[in-house]
Amino acid sequence: MTGQLEGKVALVSGAARGQGRSHAVRMAEEGADIIAFDLCDQISSIQYPMATPDDLQETVAAVEATGRRIVARQADVRALDSVRAVVADGVAEFGRLDVIAANAGIASFAKNTWSITEDEWDDMIGVNLSGVWRTVAAAVPAMIDAGNGGSIVLTGSTGGLRGISMIAHYVAAKHGLVGLMRTLMNELAPHNIRVNVIHPTGVQTPMITNDYMGEFLGEYPDYAKYFVNALPVENIQPVDISNAIVYLSSEAGRYVTGVELPVDAGMSQRV
């Protein structure tokens, strides 16, 4: 099936690389025009290299190669006015908004919960939870005004399904997304807007494939046991999450709302 999102407009946060780029390109392949944004800068508490402006331009080129249009901006999910400006530019260009893929996220580790620094905690919550709220807060009015219904997909994690040592700030943020989704689902159902969370296992992106992650696992080799999938695959690919977003945002998923969808190779149920 092709053209599942024909004529729609999708907003993607964290679109410069990794899952975000995949989501933008995959939805463009299905006919959507894209509004994309990313910080494209470093956050001081994050120990791996984050996306750059050049990365965002690569996303632009990849979307345009599908024949669809894209409005791309540098913007910080920790700044509501900045996200509102992105949405305004995109809606002015395309005239509507149908899909929100709230994908922007960061990762970091600490020896235990009480050794997380204030900056690490605040940055994690600011991006992975409050940043999702800001993305939705900035974009939902345009979606309601368009009057076409729509789909909001929040990027959760298997860390939103269980407690995992050494990432309490990440786990807290991802659990928080579930509560946000459940409330939004009830508030937006009268507008025929569906809201769901996808919980990925490890995804092969620069957020987890980097020297910082390698050094951490070298120091704590037993930690890898928390991330073993049931299916025989170490990490899944970004497109596996993108395909789920396409489904949830297409006609095929028109009555799916309020769902936590694990795309996790069985990790969350592994015994």
C-alpha atoms as a PDB file:
ATOM      1  CA  MET A   1       0.000   0.000   0.000  1.00  0.00           C
ATOM      2  CA  THR A   2       1.334   3.448  -0.908  1.00  0.00           C
ATOM      3  CA  GLY A   3       0.055   6.965  -0.426  1.00  0.00           C
ATOM      4  CA  GLN A   4      -1.280   6.192   3.040  1.00  0.00           C
ATOM      5  CA  LEU A   5      -0.698   9.820   4.114  1.00  0.00           C
ATOM      6  CA  GLU A   6      -1.422  11.490   0.784  1.00  0.00           C
ATOM      7  CA  GLY A   7      -2.377  15.147   1.225  1.00  0.00           C
ATOM      8  CA  LYS A   8      -1.473  15.251   4.899  1.00  0.00           C
ATOM      9  CA  VAL A   9       1.086  17.410   6.723  1.00  0.00           C
ATOM     10  CA  ALA A  10       3.236  15.980   9.483  1.00  0.00           C
ATOM     11  CA  LEU A  11       5.290  17.726  12.176  1.00  0.00           C
ATOM     12  CA  VAL A  12       8.424  15.871  13.317  1.00  0.00           C
ATOM     13  CA  SER A  13      10.598  16.969  16.238  1.00  0.00           C
ATOM     14  CA  GLY A  14      14.193  15.802  16.496  1.00  0.00           C
ATOM     15  CA  ALA A  15      14.200  15.422  12.727  1.00  0.00           C
ATOM     16  CA  ALA A  16      17.879  16.023  11.937  1.00  0.00           C
ATOM     17  CA  ARG A  17      18.946  12.384  12.146  1.00  0.00           C
ATOM     18  CA  GLY A  18      18.103   8.966  13.591  1.00  0.00           C
ATOM     19  CA  GLN A  19      14.466   8.140  14.168  1.00  0.00           C
ATOM     20  CA  GLY A  20      13.321  11.671  13.399  1.00  0.00           C
ATOM     21  CA  ARG A  21      14.861  11.695   9.932  1.00  0.00           C
ATOM     22  CA  SER A  22      13.434   8.249   9.267  1.00  0.00           C
ATOM     23  CA  HIS A  23       9.951   9.374  10.317  1.00  0.00           C
ATOM     24  CA  ALA A  24      10.101  12.442   8.089  1.00  0.00           C
ATOM     25  CA  VAL A  25      11.277  10.483   5.056  1.00  0.00           C
ATOM     26  CA  ARG A  26       8.921   7.557   5.596  1.00  0.00           C
ATOM     27  CA  MET A  27       5.874   9.806   5.932  1.00  0.00           C
ATOM     28  CA  ALA A  28       6.978  11.760   2.866  1.00  0.00           C
ATOM     29  CA  GLU A  29       7.179   8.479   0.958  1.00  0.00           C
ATOM     30  CA  GLU A  30       3.540   7.959   1.902  1.00  0.00           C
ATOM     31  CA  GLY A  31       2.549  11.364   0.532  1.00  0.00           C
ATOM     32  CA  ALA A  32       2.883  13.758   3.488  1.00  0.00           C
ATOM     33  CA  ASP A  33       4.536  17.166   3.428  1.00  0.00           C
ATOM     34  CA  ILE A  34       6.811  17.656   6.408  1.00  0.00           C
ATOM     35  CA  ILE A  35       7.399  20.328   9.047  1.00  0.00           C
ATOM     36  CA  ALA A  36      10.686  19.391  10.707  1.00  0.00           C
ATOM     37  CA  PHE A  37      12.754  20.841  13.498  1.00  0.00           C
ATOM     38  CA  ASP A  38      15.721  19.982  15.673  1.00  0.00           C
ATOM     39  CA  LEU A  39      17.957  21.742  18.168  1.00  0.00           C
ATOM     40  CA  CYS A  40      21.069  21.094  16.025  1.00  0.00           C
ATOM     41  CA  ASP A  41      23.293  21.998  18.944  1.00  0.00           C
ATOM     42  CA  GLN A  42      24.897  20.384  21.953  1.00  0.00           C
ATOM     43  CA  ILE A  43      23.328  20.127  25.416  1.00  0.00           C
ATOM     44  CA  SER A  44      26.070  20.342  28.024  1.00  0.00           C
ATOM     45  CA  SER A  45      24.911  17.364  30.112  1.00  0.00           C
ATOM     46  CA  ILE A  46      24.860  15.022  27.100  1.00  0.00           C
ATOM     47  CA  GLN A  47      28.116  13.161  26.529  1.00  0.00           C
ATOM     48  CA  TYR A  48      27.675  12.035  22.920  1.00  0.00           C
ATOM     49  CA  PRO A  49      27.685  14.362  19.867  1.00  0.00           C
ATOM     50  CA  MET A  50      24.214  15.650  19.085  1.00  0.00           C
ATOM     51  CA  ALA A  51      22.795  16.592  15.680  1.00  0.00           C
ATOM     52  CA  THR A  52      24.123  19.504  13.634  1.00  0.00           C
ATOM     53  CA  PRO A  53      22.652  21.926  11.087  1.00  0.00           C
ATOM     54  CA  ASP A  54      24.263  19.806   8.358  1.00  0.00           C
ATOM     55  CA  ASP A  55      22.334  16.797   9.632  1.00  0.00           C
ATOM     56  CA  LEU A  56      19.083  18.724   9.308  1.00  0.00           C
ATOM     57  CA  GLN A  57      19.959  19.682   5.750  1.00  0.00           C
ATOM     58  CA  GLU A  58      20.487  16.016   4.969  1.00  0.00           C
ATOM     59  CA  THR A  59      16.941  15.378   6.190  1.00  0.00           C
ATOM     60  CA  VAL A  60      15.691  18.166   3.929  1.00  0.00           C
ATOM     61  CA  ALA A  61      17.429  16.615   0.944  1.00  0.00           C
ATOM     62  CA  ALA A  62      16.109  13.148   1.770  1.00  0.00           C
ATOM     63  CA  VAL A  63      12.514  14.385   2.034  1.00  0.00           C
ATOM     64  CA  GLU A  64      12.770  16.412  -1.155  1.00  0.00           C
ATOM     65  CA  ALA A  65      14.140  13.341  -2.945  1.00  0.00           C
ATOM     66  CA  THR A  66      10.740  11.694  -2.375  1.00  0.00           C
ATOM     67  CA  GLY A  67       9.053  14.533  -4.260  1.00  0.00           C
ATOM     68  CA  ARG A  68       7.402  16.016  -1.181  1.00  0.00           C
ATOM     69  CA  ARG A  69       7.904  19.433   0.379  1.00  0.00           C
ATOM     70  CA  ILE A  70       9.510  20.259   3.712  1.00  0.00           C
ATOM     71  CA  VAL A  71       9.814  23.263   6.019  1.00  0.00           C
ATOM     72  CA  ALA A  72      12.795  22.713   8.329  1.00  0.00           C
ATOM     73  CA  ARG A  73      13.958  24.910  11.182  1.00  0.00           C
ATOM     74  CA  GLN A  74      16.368  24.866  14.093  1.00  0.00           C
ATOM     75  CA  ALA A  75      14.331  25.058  17.284  1.00  0.00           C
ATOM     76  CA  ASP A  76      14.573  23.890  20.882  1.00  0.00           C
ATOM     77  CA  VAL A  77      11.746  21.811  22.363  1.00  0.00           C
ATOM     78  CA  ARG A  78      12.591  23.479  25.685  1.00  0.00           C
ATOM     79  CA  ALA A  79      11.393  26.832  24.297  1.00  0.00           C
ATOM     80  CA  LEU A  80       7.650  26.980  23.601  1.00  0.00           C
ATOM     81  CA  ASP A  81       7.763  30.167  21.517  1.00  0.00           C
ATOM     82  CA  SER A  82      10.426  28.621  19.315  1.00  0.00           C
ATOM     83  CA  VAL A  83       8.290  25.570  18.613  1.00  0.00           C
ATOM     84  CA  ARG A  84       5.227  27.738  17.995  1.00  0.00           C
ATOM     85  CA  ALA A  85       7.200  29.679  15.385  1.00  0.00           C
ATOM     86  CA  VAL A  86       8.096  26.442  13.573  1.00  0.00           C
ATOM     87  CA  VAL A  87       4.478  25.344  13.533  1.00  0.00           C
ATOM     88  CA  ALA A  88       3.332  28.752  12.316  1.00  0.00           C
ATOM     89  CA  ASP A  89       5.840  28.715   9.455  1.00  0.00           C
ATOM     90  CA  GLY A  90       4.840  25.214   8.426  1.00  0.00           C
ATOM     91  CA  VAL A  91       1.103  25.803   8.575  1.00  0.00           C
ATOM     92  CA  ALA A  92       1.514  29.071   6.648  1.00  0.00           C
ATOM     93  CA  GLU A  93       3.307  27.108   3.919  1.00  0.00           C
ATOM     94  CA  PHE A  94       1.098  24.014   3.792  1.00  0.00           C
ATOM     95  CA  GLY A  95      -2.242  25.232   5.146  1.00  0.00           C
ATOM     96  CA  ARG A  96      -2.948  22.404   7.569  1.00  0.00           C
ATOM     97  CA  LEU A  97      -1.520  19.982  10.145  1.00  0.00           C
ATOM     98  CA  ASP A  98      -2.557  16.337  10.449  1.00  0.00           C
ATOM     99  CA  VAL A  99       0.195  14.396  12.213  1.00  0.00           C
ATOM    100  CA  ILE A 100       2.485  15.164  15.145  1.00  0.00           C
ATOM    101  CA  ALA A 101       5.446  12.839  15.686  1.00  0.00           C
ATOM    102  CA  ALA A 102       6.879  14.044  18.999  1.00  0.00           C
ATOM    103  CA  ASN A 103      10.207  12.294  18.668  1.00  0.00           C
ATOM    104  CA  ALA A 104      12.952  14.559  20.060  1.00  0.00           C
ATOM    105  CA  GLY A 105      14.858  12.885  22.877  1.00  0.00           C
ATOM    106  CA  ILE A 106      18.181  12.530  24.663  1.00  0.00           C
ATOM    107  CA  ALA A 107      19.853   9.863  26.796  1.00  0.00           C
ATOM    108  CA  SER A 108      22.362   9.796  29.633  1.00  0.00           C
ATOM    109  CA  PHE A 109      23.396   7.500  32.479  1.00  0.00           C
ATOM    110  CA  ALA A 110      24.201   7.829  36.158  1.00  0.00           C
ATOM    111  CA  LYS A 111      25.518   5.341  38.719  1.00  0.00           C
ATOM    112  CA  ASN A 112      22.202   5.525  40.563  1.00  0.00           C
ATOM    113  CA  THR A 113      19.188   7.793  40.983  1.00  0.00           C
ATOM    114  CA  TRP A 114      20.657   9.914  43.752  1.00  0.00           C
ATOM    115  CA  SER A 115      23.846  10.667  41.831  1.00  0.00           C
ATOM    116  CA  ILE A 116      22.029  12.249  38.878  1.00  0.00           C
ATOM    117  CA  THR A 117      23.003  15.910  38.760  1.00  0.00           C
ATOM    118  CA  GLU A 118      20.418  18.660  38.660  1.00  0.00           C
ATOM    119  CA  ASP A 119      21.489  19.584  35.135  1.00  0.00           C
ATOM    120  CA  GLU A 120      21.170  15.973  33.964  1.00  0.00           C
ATOM    121  CA  TRP A 121      17.720  15.670  35.527  1.00  0.00           C
ATOM    122  CA  ASP A 122      16.464  19.027  34.285  1.00  0.00           C
ATOM    123  CA  ASP A 123      17.776  18.519  30.748  1.00  0.00           C
ATOM    124  CA  MET A 124      16.261  15.040  30.516  1.00  0.00           C
ATOM    125  CA  ILE A 125      12.845  16.090  31.763  1.00  0.00           C
ATOM    126  CA  GLY A 126      13.051  19.309  29.760  1.00  0.00           C
ATOM    127  CA  VAL A 127      13.577  17.504  26.463  1.00  0.00           C
ATOM    128  CA  ASN A 128      11.998  14.063  26.875  1.00  0.00           C
ATOM    129  CA  LEU A 129       8.850  15.059  28.756  1.00  0.00           C
ATOM    130  CA  SER A 130       8.322  18.811  28.867  1.00  0.00           C
ATOM    131  CA  GLY A 131       9.601  19.077  25.292  1.00  0.00           C
ATOM    132  CA  VAL A 132       6.914  16.662  24.145  1.00  0.00           C
ATOM    133  CA  TRP A 133       4.274  18.672  25.983  1.00  0.00           C
ATOM    134  CA  ARG A 134       5.570  21.873  24.357  1.00  0.00           C
ATOM    135  CA  THR A 135       5.491  20.272  20.920  1.00  0.00           C
ATOM    136  CA  VAL A 136       1.900  19.210  21.420  1.00  0.00           C
ATOM    137  CA  ALA A 137       0.894  22.507  23.026  1.00  0.00           C
ATOM    138  CA  ALA A 138       2.349  24.429  20.089  1.00  0.00           C
ATOM    139  CA  ALA A 139       0.821  22.228  17.407  1.00  0.00           C
ATOM    140  CA  VAL A 140      -2.575  21.023  18.605  1.00  0.00           C
ATOM    141  CA  PRO A 141      -4.401  24.342  18.044  1.00  0.00           C
ATOM    142  CA  ALA A 142      -3.435  24.260  14.360  1.00  0.00           C
ATOM    143  CA  MET A 143      -4.592  20.658  14.105  1.00  0.00           C
ATOM    144  CA  ILE A 144      -7.942  21.499  15.682  1.00  0.00           C
ATOM    145  CA  ASP A 145      -8.332  24.583  13.487  1.00  0.00           C
ATOM    146  CA  ALA A 146      -7.708  22.521  10.346  1.00  0.00           C
ATOM    147  CA  GLY A 147     -10.731  20.436  11.267  1.00  0.00           C
ATOM    148  CA  ASN A 148      -9.489  17.226   9.661  1.00  0.00           C
ATOM    149  CA  GLY A 149      -8.906  15.164  12.775  1.00  0.00           C
ATOM    150  CA  GLY A 150      -5.412  13.785  13.058  1.00  0.00           C
ATOM    151  CA  SER A 151      -2.853  11.628  14.813  1.00  0.00           C
ATOM    152  CA  ILE A 152      -0.355  12.388  17.573  1.00  0.00           C
ATOM    153  CA  VAL A 153       2.350   9.817  18.243  1.00  0.00           C
ATOM    154  CA  LEU A 154       4.653  10.249  21.219  1.00  0.00           C
ATOM    155  CA  THR A 155       7.980   8.413  21.246  1.00  0.00           C
ATOM    156  CA  GLY A 156       8.165   6.454  24.472  1.00  0.00           C
ATOM    157  CA  SER A 157      10.542   3.610  25.313  1.00  0.00           C
ATOM    158  CA  THR A 158      10.663   0.229  26.956  1.00  0.00           C
ATOM    159  CA  GLY A 159      11.912   2.448  29.780  1.00  0.00           C
ATOM    160  CA  GLY A 160       8.342   3.726  29.925  1.00  0.00           C
ATOM    161  CA  LEU A 161       7.119   0.222  30.739  1.00  0.00           C
ATOM    162  CA  ARG A 162       9.440  -0.774  33.590  1.00  0.00           C
ATOM    163  CA  GLY A 163      12.086   0.509  35.963  1.00  0.00           C
ATOM    164  CA  ILE A 164      15.672   0.368  34.682  1.00  0.00           C
ATOM    165  CA  SER A 165      18.638   1.123  36.895  1.00  0.00           C
ATOM    166  CA  MET A 166      20.996   4.013  36.125  1.00  0.00           C
ATOM    167  CA  ILE A 167      18.496   5.932  33.977  1.00  0.00           C
ATOM    168  CA  ALA A 168      15.866   7.087  36.484  1.00  0.00           C
ATOM    169  CA  HIS A 169      15.537  10.500  34.821  1.00  0.00           C
ATOM    170  CA  TYR A 170      14.948   8.850  31.419  1.00  0.00           C
ATOM    171  CA  VAL A 171      12.515   6.313  32.856  1.00  0.00           C
ATOM    172  CA  ALA A 172      10.596   9.021  34.729  1.00  0.00           C
ATOM    173  CA  ALA A 173      10.248  11.081  31.544  1.00  0.00           C
ATOM    174  CA  LYS A 174       9.050   8.135  29.465  1.00  0.00           C
ATOM    175  CA  HIS A 175       6.544   7.050  32.108  1.00  0.00           C
ATOM    176  CA  GLY A 176       5.315  10.639  32.184  1.00  0.00           C
ATOM    177  CA  LEU A 177       4.581  10.478  28.466  1.00  0.00           C
ATOM    178  CA  VAL A 178       2.081   7.701  29.087  1.00  0.00           C
ATOM    179  CA  GLY A 179       0.072   9.894  31.452  1.00  0.00           C
ATOM    180  CA  LEU A 180       0.277  12.780  29.003  1.00  0.00           C
ATOM    181  CA  MET A 181      -0.966  10.555  26.190  1.00  0.00           C
ATOM    182  CA  ARG A 182      -3.900   9.229  28.210  1.00  0.00           C
ATOM    183  CA  THR A 183      -5.073  12.715  29.112  1.00  0.00           C
ATOM    184  CA  LEU A 184      -4.637  14.087  25.588  1.00  0.00           C
ATOM    185  CA  MET A 185      -6.533  11.116  24.180  1.00  0.00           C
ATOM    186  CA  ASN A 186      -9.603  12.033  26.211  1.00  0.00           C
ATOM    187  CA  GLU A 187      -9.333  15.751  25.503  1.00  0.00           C
ATOM    188  CA  LEU A 188      -8.828  15.377  21.754  1.00  0.00           C
ATOM    189  CA  ALA A 189     -11.210  12.532  20.938  1.00  0.00           C
ATOM    190  CA  PRO A 190     -14.101  14.975  20.313  1.00  0.00           C
ATOM    191  CA  HIS A 191     -11.936  16.520  17.568  1.00  0.00           C
ATOM    192  CA  ASN A 192     -11.294  13.088  16.019  1.00  0.00           C
ATOM    193  CA  ILE A 193      -7.617  13.414  16.944  1.00  0.00           C
ATOM    194  CA  ARG A 194      -6.007  10.178  18.083  1.00  0.00           C
ATOM    195  CA  VAL A 195      -3.106  10.017  20.542  1.00  0.00           C
ATOM    196  CA  ASN A 196      -0.806   7.042  21.059  1.00  0.00           C
ATOM    197  CA  VAL A 197       2.644   6.173  22.445  1.00  0.00           C
ATOM    198  CA  ILE A 198       5.160   3.906  20.737  1.00  0.00           C
ATOM    199  CA  HIS A 199       7.619   2.115  23.017  1.00  0.00           C
ATOM    200  CA  PRO A 200      10.753   1.141  21.043  1.00  0.00           C
ATOM    201  CA  THR A 201      13.487  -1.189  22.157  1.00  0.00           C
ATOM    202  CA  GLY A 202      17.038  -0.141  21.281  1.00  0.00           C
ATOM    203  CA  VAL A 203      17.068   1.528  17.873  1.00  0.00           C
ATOM    204  CA  GLN A 204      20.181   1.756  15.708  1.00  0.00           C
ATOM    205  CA  THR A 205      20.742   5.523  15.864  1.00  0.00           C
ATOM    206  CA  PRO A 206      23.545   7.865  16.943  1.00  0.00           C
ATOM    207  CA  MET A 207      21.845   8.228  20.339  1.00  0.00           C
ATOM    208  CA  ILE A 208      22.825   4.684  21.303  1.00  0.00           C
ATOM    209  CA  THR A 209      25.617   3.890  18.854  1.00  0.00           C
ATOM    210  CA  ASN A 210      28.407   6.166  20.032  1.00  0.00           C
ATOM    211  CA  ASP A 211      31.644   6.168  22.046  1.00  0.00           C
ATOM    212  CA  TYR A 212      29.880   7.294  25.231  1.00  0.00           C
ATOM    213  CA  MET A 213      27.556   4.283  25.161  1.00  0.00           C
ATOM    214  CA  GLY A 214      30.458   1.974  24.390  1.00  0.00           C
ATOM    215  CA  GLU A 215      32.520   3.322  27.294  1.00  0.00           C
ATOM    216  CA  PHE A 216      29.571   3.039  29.673  1.00  0.00           C
ATOM    217  CA  LEU A 217      28.906  -0.588  28.742  1.00  0.00           C
ATOM    218  CA  GLY A 218      32.624  -1.261  29.046  1.00  0.00           C
ATOM    219  CA  GLU A 219      32.540   0.020  32.630  1.00  0.00           C
ATOM    220  CA  TYR A 220      29.291  -1.800  33.474  1.00  0.00           C
ATOM    221  CA  PRO A 221      29.285  -4.918  31.250  1.00  0.00           C
ATOM    222  CA  ASP A 222      26.400  -6.550  33.118  1.00  0.00           C
ATOM    223  CA  TYR A 223      24.158  -3.592  32.273  1.00  0.00           C
ATOM    224  CA  ALA A 224      23.557  -4.884  28.746  1.00  0.00           C
ATOM    225  CA  LYS A 225      21.240  -7.543  30.192  1.00  0.00           C
ATOM    226  CA  TYR A 226      18.554  -4.871  30.577  1.00  0.00           C
ATOM    227  CA  PHE A 227      18.436  -4.408  26.810  1.00  0.00           C
ATOM    228  CA  VAL A 228      18.302  -7.965  25.462  1.00  0.00           C
ATOM    229  CA  ASN A 229      15.423  -8.558  23.060  1.00  0.00           C
ATOM    230  CA  ALA A 230      13.343 -11.736  22.885  1.00  0.00           C
ATOM    231  CA  LEU A 231      13.648 -11.873  19.104  1.00  0.00           C
ATOM    232  CA  PRO A 232      17.167 -12.546  17.792  1.00  0.00           C
ATOM    233  CA  VAL A 233      18.088  -8.961  16.955  1.00  0.00           C
ATOM    234  CA  GLU A 234      20.384  -6.636  18.901  1.00  0.00           C
ATOM    235  CA  ASN A 235      18.802  -3.353  17.790  1.00  0.00           C
ATOM    236  CA  ILE A 236      15.923  -2.593  15.478  1.00  0.00           C
ATOM    237  CA  GLN A 237      16.062   0.006  12.708  1.00  0.00           C
ATOM    238  CA  PRO A 238      14.530   3.509  12.739  1.00  0.00           C
ATOM    239  CA  VAL A 239      12.190   2.573   9.894  1.00  0.00           C
ATOM    240  CA  ASP A 240      10.579  -0.040  12.148  1.00  0.00           C
ATOM    241  CA  ILE A 241       9.316   2.800  14.341  1.00  0.00           C
ATOM    242  CA  SER A 242       8.494   4.954  11.309  1.00  0.00           C
ATOM    243  CA  ASN A 243       6.287   2.212   9.884  1.00  0.00           C
ATOM    244  CA  ALA A 244       4.341   2.088  13.141  1.00  0.00           C
ATOM    245  CA  ILE A 245       3.834   5.857  13.013  1.00  0.00           C
ATOM    246  CA  VAL A 246       2.565   5.584   9.440  1.00  0.00           C
ATOM    247  CA  TYR A 247       0.098   2.912  10.519  1.00  0.00           C
ATOM    248  CA  LEU A 248      -1.166   4.879  13.511  1.00  0.00           C
ATOM    249  CA  SER A 249      -1.535   8.026  11.397  1.00  0.00           C
ATOM    250  CA  SER A 250      -3.178   6.411   8.375  1.00  0.00           C
ATOM    251  CA  GLU A 251      -6.713   5.283   7.618  1.00  0.00           C
ATOM    252  CA  ALA A 252      -5.698   1.805   8.771  1.00  0.00           C
ATOM    253  CA  GLY A 253      -5.290   3.128  12.315  1.00  0.00           C
ATOM    254  CA  ARG A 254      -8.307   5.430  12.317  1.00  0.00           C
ATOM    255  CA  TYR A 255      -9.844   3.912  15.468  1.00  0.00           C
ATOM    256  CA  VAL A 256      -6.635   3.282  17.389  1.00  0.00           C
ATOM    257  CA  THR A 257      -6.199   5.748  20.226  1.00  0.00           C
ATOM    258  CA  GLY A 258      -4.994   5.664  23.816  1.00  0.00           C
ATOM    259  CA  VAL A 259      -2.629   2.790  23.052  1.00  0.00           C
ATOM    260  CA  GLU A 260       0.885   2.002  24.257  1.00  0.00           C
ATOM    261  CA  LEU A 261       2.358   0.162  21.286  1.00  0.00           C
ATOM    262  CA  PRO A 262       5.619  -1.688  21.984  1.00  0.00           C
ATOM    263  CA  VAL A 263       7.826  -2.040  18.911  1.00  0.00           C
ATOM    264  CA  ASP A 264      10.418  -3.779  21.003  1.00  0.00           C
ATOM    265  CA  ALA A 265      11.281  -7.210  19.558  1.00  0.00           C
ATOM    266  CA  GLY A 266       9.667  -8.672  22.672  1.00  0.00           C
ATOM    267  CA  MET A 267      12.037  -6.984  25.122  1.00  0.00           C
ATOM    268  CA  SER A 268       9.344  -5.874  27.544  1.00  0.00           C
ATOM    269  CA  GLN A 269       7.926  -9.429  27.840  1.00  0.00           C
ATOM    270  CA  ARG A 270      11.208 -11.331  27.805  1.00  0.00           C
ATOM    271  CA  VAL A 271      11.698 -13.762  30.690  1.00  0.00           C
END
